[in-house]
Amino acid sequence: MGASSVPAGVDFTSIYSSSDLIVSNSLSRITGANNIHVTGVTHLALLTNSRVQNLIIEALEN
């Protein structure tokens, strides 16, 4: 994405993990977004983790 902030009028959620050793947390936090930090979830596990999946569903419903 490369953006450090979200355009006005756009709802954006970034879910990131301190256990992700591929993408730095600092690159995942976006100004103006709903930034959600999870722990104990690796980079690839972000795709299949049930807690993360529930957070995605919640973000899409709101």
N, C-alpha and C. Protein backbone atom coordinates (compact mmCIF):
# COMPACT_ATOMS: atom_id res chain seq x y z
N MET A 1 0.83 -1.18 0.00
CA MET A 1 0.00 0.00 0.00
C MET A 1 0.87 1.25 0.00
N GLY A 2 1.81 1.32 0.89
CA GLY A 2 2.74 2.43 0.88
C GLY A 2 2.23 3.72 1.50
N ALA A 3 0.97 3.79 1.88
CA ALA A 3 0.42 5.01 2.47
C ALA A 3 0.61 4.98 3.98
N SER A 4 0.84 6.16 4.55
CA SER A 4 1.00 6.22 6.00
C SER A 4 -0.27 6.70 6.69
N SER A 5 -1.27 7.13 5.90
CA SER A 5 -2.54 7.55 6.48
C SER A 5 -3.68 7.17 5.55
N VAL A 6 -4.89 7.20 6.10
CA VAL A 6 -6.08 6.82 5.36
C VAL A 6 -6.77 8.08 4.85
N PRO A 7 -7.22 8.06 3.59
CA PRO A 7 -7.94 9.23 3.05
C PRO A 7 -9.23 9.48 3.82
N ALA A 8 -9.65 10.73 3.89
CA ALA A 8 -10.89 11.09 4.57
C ALA A 8 -12.05 10.32 3.96
N GLY A 9 -12.96 9.85 4.82
CA GLY A 9 -14.15 9.15 4.36
C GLY A 9 -13.96 7.67 4.10
N VAL A 10 -12.76 7.16 4.34
CA VAL A 10 -12.47 5.74 4.11
C VAL A 10 -12.25 5.06 5.45
N ASP A 11 -13.02 3.99 5.71
CA ASP A 11 -12.81 3.19 6.91
C ASP A 11 -11.77 2.13 6.59
N PHE A 12 -10.76 2.02 7.42
CA PHE A 12 -9.66 1.11 7.15
C PHE A 12 -9.24 0.45 8.45
N THR A 13 -9.04 -0.85 8.41
CA THR A 13 -8.58 -1.60 9.58
C THR A 13 -7.27 -2.29 9.24
N SER A 14 -6.29 -2.15 10.11
CA SER A 14 -5.01 -2.84 9.96
C SER A 14 -4.83 -3.77 11.15
N ILE A 15 -4.72 -5.06 10.87
CA ILE A 15 -4.50 -6.05 11.92
C ILE A 15 -3.07 -6.54 11.78
N TYR A 16 -2.32 -6.41 12.84
CA TYR A 16 -0.90 -6.77 12.77
C TYR A 16 -0.48 -7.46 14.05
N SER A 17 0.63 -8.18 13.97
CA SER A 17 1.09 -8.98 15.11
C SER A 17 2.54 -8.66 15.45
N SER A 18 2.81 -8.61 16.74
CA SER A 18 4.19 -8.44 17.19
C SER A 18 5.01 -9.70 16.95
N SER A 19 4.35 -10.79 16.61
CA SER A 19 5.05 -12.04 16.31
C SER A 19 5.35 -12.20 14.82
N ASP A 20 4.95 -11.20 14.02
CA ASP A 20 5.22 -11.21 12.58
C ASP A 20 6.66 -10.76 12.36
N LEU A 21 7.49 -11.67 11.92
CA LEU A 21 8.91 -11.36 11.69
C LEU A 21 9.19 -10.98 10.24
N ILE A 22 8.13 -10.89 9.42
CA ILE A 22 8.29 -10.52 8.01
C ILE A 22 7.97 -9.06 7.78
N VAL A 23 6.86 -8.58 8.35
CA VAL A 23 6.46 -7.18 8.20
C VAL A 23 6.58 -6.48 9.55
N SER A 24 7.34 -5.41 9.58
CA SER A 24 7.54 -4.65 10.81
C SER A 24 6.24 -4.02 11.29
N ASN A 25 6.02 -4.04 12.60
CA ASN A 25 4.82 -3.41 13.17
C ASN A 25 4.69 -1.96 12.77
N SER A 26 5.80 -1.26 12.67
CA SER A 26 5.76 0.16 12.33
C SER A 26 5.19 0.39 10.93
N LEU A 27 5.30 -0.59 10.05
CA LEU A 27 4.74 -0.47 8.70
C LEU A 27 3.26 -0.83 8.66
N SER A 28 2.78 -1.46 9.72
CA SER A 28 1.39 -1.91 9.75
C SER A 28 0.45 -0.93 10.43
N ARG A 29 0.99 -0.05 11.25
CA ARG A 29 0.17 0.97 11.92
C ARG A 29 -0.03 2.13 10.96
N ILE A 30 -1.31 2.45 10.72
CA ILE A 30 -1.65 3.48 9.74
C ILE A 30 -2.45 4.58 10.42
N THR A 31 -2.01 5.81 10.28
CA THR A 31 -2.69 6.95 10.87
C THR A 31 -4.12 7.04 10.34
N GLY A 32 -5.08 7.13 11.25
CA GLY A 32 -6.49 7.25 10.88
C GLY A 32 -7.20 5.92 10.71
N ALA A 33 -6.47 4.83 10.80
CA ALA A 33 -7.07 3.50 10.67
C ALA A 33 -7.42 2.93 12.03
N ASN A 34 -8.24 1.91 12.02
CA ASN A 34 -8.49 1.13 13.22
C ASN A 34 -7.35 0.11 13.30
N ASN A 35 -6.31 0.43 14.03
CA ASN A 35 -5.13 -0.43 14.15
C ASN A 35 -5.33 -1.43 15.28
N ILE A 36 -5.28 -2.72 14.94
CA ILE A 36 -5.51 -3.76 15.93
C ILE A 36 -4.25 -4.61 16.04
N HIS A 37 -3.65 -4.60 17.23
CA HIS A 37 -2.44 -5.36 17.51
C HIS A 37 -2.81 -6.68 18.15
N VAL A 38 -2.37 -7.78 17.55
CA VAL A 38 -2.57 -9.11 18.15
C VAL A 38 -1.21 -9.69 18.51
N THR A 39 -1.19 -10.61 19.42
CA THR A 39 0.07 -11.24 19.83
C THR A 39 0.01 -12.73 19.57
N GLY A 40 1.18 -13.32 19.39
CA GLY A 40 1.28 -14.76 19.24
C GLY A 40 0.83 -15.31 17.90
N VAL A 41 0.71 -14.44 16.90
CA VAL A 41 0.27 -14.87 15.57
C VAL A 41 1.36 -14.51 14.57
N THR A 42 1.91 -15.52 13.91
CA THR A 42 2.97 -15.26 12.93
C THR A 42 2.40 -14.69 11.64
N HIS A 43 3.28 -14.29 10.74
CA HIS A 43 2.87 -13.67 9.48
C HIS A 43 1.87 -14.55 8.71
N LEU A 44 2.22 -15.79 8.47
CA LEU A 44 1.34 -16.67 7.71
C LEU A 44 0.10 -17.06 8.51
N ALA A 45 0.22 -17.15 9.81
CA ALA A 45 -0.92 -17.52 10.64
C ALA A 45 -1.99 -16.42 10.67
N LEU A 46 -1.62 -15.19 10.29
CA LEU A 46 -2.63 -14.13 10.21
C LEU A 46 -3.74 -14.51 9.23
N LEU A 47 -3.44 -15.38 8.28
CA LEU A 47 -4.43 -15.81 7.29
C LEU A 47 -5.42 -16.82 7.84
N THR A 48 -5.03 -17.59 8.83
CA THR A 48 -5.86 -18.71 9.29
C THR A 48 -6.27 -18.63 10.76
N ASN A 49 -5.76 -17.69 11.49
CA ASN A 49 -6.05 -17.58 12.91
C ASN A 49 -7.52 -17.18 13.12
N SER A 50 -8.24 -17.94 13.93
CA SER A 50 -9.67 -17.69 14.13
C SER A 50 -9.93 -16.34 14.79
N ARG A 51 -9.08 -15.92 15.70
CA ARG A 51 -9.25 -14.60 16.34
C ARG A 51 -9.12 -13.49 15.30
N VAL A 52 -8.13 -13.61 14.42
CA VAL A 52 -7.93 -12.61 13.36
C VAL A 52 -9.11 -12.64 12.39
N GLN A 53 -9.58 -13.82 12.05
CA GLN A 53 -10.73 -13.93 11.15
C GLN A 53 -11.96 -13.26 11.76
N ASN A 54 -12.16 -13.42 13.07
CA ASN A 54 -13.28 -12.76 13.74
C ASN A 54 -13.12 -11.24 13.74
N LEU A 55 -11.90 -10.76 13.89
CA LEU A 55 -11.64 -9.32 13.83
C LEU A 55 -11.93 -8.77 12.44
N ILE A 56 -11.62 -9.54 11.41
CA ILE A 56 -11.91 -9.12 10.03
C ILE A 56 -13.41 -9.05 9.81
N ILE A 57 -14.12 -10.07 10.25
CA ILE A 57 -15.59 -10.08 10.11
C ILE A 57 -16.20 -8.88 10.83
N GLU A 58 -15.74 -8.63 12.04
CA GLU A 58 -16.24 -7.50 12.83
C GLU A 58 -15.99 -6.18 12.11
N ALA A 59 -14.81 -6.01 11.54
CA ALA A 59 -14.48 -4.78 10.83
C ALA A 59 -15.36 -4.60 9.59
N LEU A 60 -15.64 -5.69 8.90
CA LEU A 60 -16.48 -5.61 7.70
C LEU A 60 -17.94 -5.32 8.04
N GLU A 61 -18.39 -5.79 9.19
CA GLU A 61 -19.78 -5.57 9.59
C GLU A 61 -20.02 -4.16 10.10
N ASN A 62 -18.97 -3.50 10.56
CA ASN A 62 -19.12 -2.14 11.12
C ASN A 62 -18.88 -1.08 10.11
